[in-house]
Amino acid sequence: MSAKPSAREQHVEIPGMCFIRQPEGTRRCTLSAGHPGDHRHYYSGELRNGFRVGTSWPRRPRETQAD
């Protein structure tokens, strides 16, 4: 039998991955944690030469993975 935690977690960080949510969307950044520049989701967008071009969006102040 496992014990349940007594305090509820506010959010969980995924180590090694940025995972910031796109504003007004469900996509999350697939780049490594601490990357420079815009966020990017590589598995979305139109197909070009058989590959997805991805979606990108700018950084926002004080954003967290739990947004």
N, C-alpha and C. Protein backbone atom coordinates (compact mmCIF):
# COMPACT_ATOMS: atom_id res chain seq x y z
N MET A 1 0.84 -1.18 0.00
CA MET A 1 0.00 0.00 0.00
C MET A 1 0.89 1.24 0.00
N SER A 2 0.61 2.18 -0.88
CA SER A 2 1.43 3.38 -0.95
C SER A 2 0.75 4.55 -0.23
N ALA A 3 1.56 5.39 0.35
CA ALA A 3 1.03 6.55 1.06
C ALA A 3 0.79 7.69 0.07
N LYS A 4 -0.31 8.40 0.26
CA LYS A 4 -0.61 9.55 -0.59
C LYS A 4 0.10 10.78 -0.02
N PRO A 5 0.59 11.67 -0.89
CA PRO A 5 1.22 12.88 -0.38
C PRO A 5 0.20 13.76 0.34
N SER A 6 0.64 14.41 1.40
CA SER A 6 -0.28 15.24 2.18
C SER A 6 -0.46 16.63 1.57
N ALA A 7 0.52 17.12 0.86
CA ALA A 7 0.44 18.44 0.24
C ALA A 7 0.23 18.29 -1.26
N ARG A 8 -0.69 19.06 -1.80
CA ARG A 8 -0.96 19.00 -3.24
C ARG A 8 0.09 19.81 -3.99
N GLU A 9 0.62 19.23 -5.06
CA GLU A 9 1.62 19.92 -5.88
C GLU A 9 0.95 21.05 -6.67
N GLN A 10 1.59 22.19 -6.77
CA GLN A 10 1.07 23.30 -7.57
C GLN A 10 1.24 23.01 -9.06
N HIS A 11 2.40 22.51 -9.43
CA HIS A 11 2.66 22.10 -10.81
C HIS A 11 3.89 21.22 -10.83
N VAL A 12 4.09 20.55 -11.92
CA VAL A 12 5.22 19.65 -12.07
C VAL A 12 6.10 20.15 -13.22
N GLU A 13 7.38 20.31 -12.97
CA GLU A 13 8.32 20.70 -14.02
C GLU A 13 8.82 19.45 -14.73
N ILE A 14 8.92 19.52 -16.05
CA ILE A 14 9.46 18.41 -16.83
C ILE A 14 10.92 18.75 -17.10
N PRO A 15 11.85 18.07 -16.42
CA PRO A 15 13.26 18.41 -16.57
C PRO A 15 13.76 18.15 -17.99
N GLY A 16 14.58 19.07 -18.47
CA GLY A 16 15.20 18.90 -19.77
C GLY A 16 14.36 19.35 -20.95
N MET A 17 13.11 19.75 -20.71
CA MET A 17 12.22 20.15 -21.79
C MET A 17 11.56 21.47 -21.45
N CYS A 18 11.43 22.37 -22.42
CA CYS A 18 10.81 23.67 -22.18
C CYS A 18 9.32 23.50 -21.83
N PHE A 19 8.53 22.92 -22.69
CA PHE A 19 7.13 22.54 -22.48
C PHE A 19 6.20 23.70 -22.14
N ILE A 20 6.54 24.95 -22.54
CA ILE A 20 5.67 26.10 -22.31
C ILE A 20 4.52 26.04 -23.31
N ARG A 21 3.30 26.29 -22.82
CA ARG A 21 2.10 26.22 -23.66
C ARG A 21 2.01 27.43 -24.60
N GLN A 22 1.53 27.18 -25.81
CA GLN A 22 1.26 28.25 -26.77
C GLN A 22 0.06 29.05 -26.27
N PRO A 23 0.12 30.39 -26.31
CA PRO A 23 -1.03 31.20 -25.84
C PRO A 23 -2.29 30.84 -26.62
N GLU A 24 -3.39 30.72 -25.91
CA GLU A 24 -4.69 30.41 -26.51
C GLU A 24 -4.68 29.12 -27.33
N GLY A 25 -3.81 28.18 -26.98
CA GLY A 25 -3.73 26.92 -27.70
C GLY A 25 -3.37 25.77 -26.78
N THR A 26 -3.21 24.60 -27.37
CA THR A 26 -2.87 23.41 -26.58
C THR A 26 -1.46 22.91 -26.86
N ARG A 27 -0.80 23.45 -27.88
CA ARG A 27 0.56 23.00 -28.20
C ARG A 27 1.53 23.47 -27.13
N ARG A 28 2.60 22.70 -26.96
CA ARG A 28 3.65 23.06 -26.00
C ARG A 28 5.01 23.02 -26.70
N CYS A 29 5.93 23.84 -26.22
CA CYS A 29 7.25 23.93 -26.82
C CYS A 29 7.99 22.59 -26.68
N THR A 30 8.58 22.14 -27.78
CA THR A 30 9.29 20.86 -27.79
C THR A 30 10.81 21.04 -27.76
N LEU A 31 11.27 22.27 -27.52
CA LEU A 31 12.71 22.53 -27.43
C LEU A 31 13.24 22.17 -26.04
N SER A 32 14.55 22.14 -25.91
CA SER A 32 15.16 21.83 -24.62
C SER A 32 14.98 23.00 -23.64
N ALA A 33 15.01 22.71 -22.37
CA ALA A 33 14.83 23.74 -21.34
C ALA A 33 15.93 24.79 -21.45
N GLY A 34 15.54 26.05 -21.24
CA GLY A 34 16.50 27.15 -21.26
C GLY A 34 16.95 27.58 -22.65
N HIS A 35 16.22 27.19 -23.69
CA HIS A 35 16.60 27.56 -25.06
C HIS A 35 16.48 29.07 -25.27
N PRO A 36 17.28 29.63 -26.17
CA PRO A 36 17.15 31.06 -26.49
C PRO A 36 16.06 31.27 -27.55
N GLY A 37 15.54 32.47 -27.64
CA GLY A 37 14.61 32.82 -28.71
C GLY A 37 13.19 32.31 -28.50
N ASP A 38 12.46 32.27 -29.62
CA ASP A 38 11.05 31.89 -29.61
C ASP A 38 10.85 30.42 -29.24
N HIS A 39 9.64 30.12 -28.78
CA HIS A 39 9.23 28.74 -28.52
C HIS A 39 8.86 28.09 -29.84
N ARG A 40 8.92 26.75 -29.88
CA ARG A 40 8.62 26.03 -31.12
C ARG A 40 8.04 24.66 -30.83
N HIS A 41 7.00 24.32 -31.58
CA HIS A 41 6.41 22.99 -31.54
C HIS A 41 6.66 22.38 -32.91
N TYR A 42 7.55 21.39 -32.97
CA TYR A 42 8.00 20.83 -34.25
C TYR A 42 7.01 19.87 -34.90
N TYR A 43 6.01 19.41 -34.19
CA TYR A 43 5.14 18.37 -34.72
C TYR A 43 3.80 18.92 -35.20
N SER A 44 3.78 20.18 -35.62
CA SER A 44 2.56 20.81 -36.10
C SER A 44 2.88 21.63 -37.35
N GLY A 45 1.87 22.24 -37.92
CA GLY A 45 2.06 23.07 -39.11
C GLY A 45 1.91 22.26 -40.38
N GLU A 46 2.08 22.93 -41.49
CA GLU A 46 1.91 22.29 -42.80
C GLU A 46 3.06 21.36 -43.14
N LEU A 47 2.80 20.48 -44.09
CA LEU A 47 3.84 19.57 -44.58
C LEU A 47 4.64 20.23 -45.70
N ARG A 48 5.96 20.11 -45.62
CA ARG A 48 6.86 20.57 -46.70
C ARG A 48 7.87 19.48 -46.94
N ASN A 49 7.90 18.95 -48.14
CA ASN A 49 8.82 17.87 -48.50
C ASN A 49 8.71 16.68 -47.53
N GLY A 50 7.49 16.40 -47.08
CA GLY A 50 7.26 15.27 -46.19
C GLY A 50 7.53 15.52 -44.73
N PHE A 51 7.87 16.77 -44.36
CA PHE A 51 8.16 17.11 -42.96
C PHE A 51 7.24 18.24 -42.50
N ARG A 52 6.86 18.21 -41.23
CA ARG A 52 6.09 19.31 -40.64
C ARG A 52 7.00 20.51 -40.43
N VAL A 53 6.51 21.70 -40.74
CA VAL A 53 7.34 22.91 -40.59
C VAL A 53 7.33 23.43 -39.16
N GLY A 54 6.35 23.01 -38.37
CA GLY A 54 6.30 23.44 -36.98
C GLY A 54 5.56 24.75 -36.79
N THR A 55 5.38 25.10 -35.54
CA THR A 55 4.71 26.34 -35.14
C THR A 55 5.60 27.03 -34.14
N SER A 56 5.70 28.35 -34.21
CA SER A 56 6.52 29.07 -33.22
C SER A 56 5.73 30.24 -32.66
N TRP A 57 6.11 30.68 -31.46
CA TRP A 57 5.48 31.83 -30.82
C TRP A 57 6.50 32.48 -29.90
N PRO A 58 6.33 33.80 -29.63
CA PRO A 58 7.32 34.53 -28.82
C PRO A 58 7.22 34.20 -27.33
N ARG A 59 8.31 34.46 -26.63
CA ARG A 59 8.34 34.29 -25.17
C ARG A 59 7.45 35.35 -24.53
N ARG A 60 6.90 35.02 -23.35
CA ARG A 60 6.12 35.96 -22.56
C ARG A 60 6.81 36.12 -21.21
N PRO A 61 6.64 37.25 -20.55
CA PRO A 61 7.26 37.42 -19.23
C PRO A 61 6.69 36.46 -18.19
N ARG A 62 7.53 35.93 -17.34
CA ARG A 62 7.15 35.08 -16.19
C ARG A 62 6.33 33.85 -16.56
N GLU A 63 6.56 33.26 -17.72
CA GLU A 63 5.81 32.06 -18.09
C GLU A 63 6.40 30.82 -17.43
N THR A 64 5.55 29.84 -17.15
CA THR A 64 5.99 28.59 -16.55
C THR A 64 5.36 27.42 -17.29
N GLN A 65 5.87 26.23 -17.09
CA GLN A 65 5.33 25.05 -17.76
C GLN A 65 3.87 24.81 -17.40
N ALA A 66 3.45 25.24 -16.24
CA ALA A 66 2.09 24.96 -15.77
C ALA A 66 1.05 25.91 -16.36
N ASP A 67 1.46 26.88 -17.15
CA ASP A 67 0.49 27.83 -17.74
C ASP A 67 -0.48 27.12 -18.64
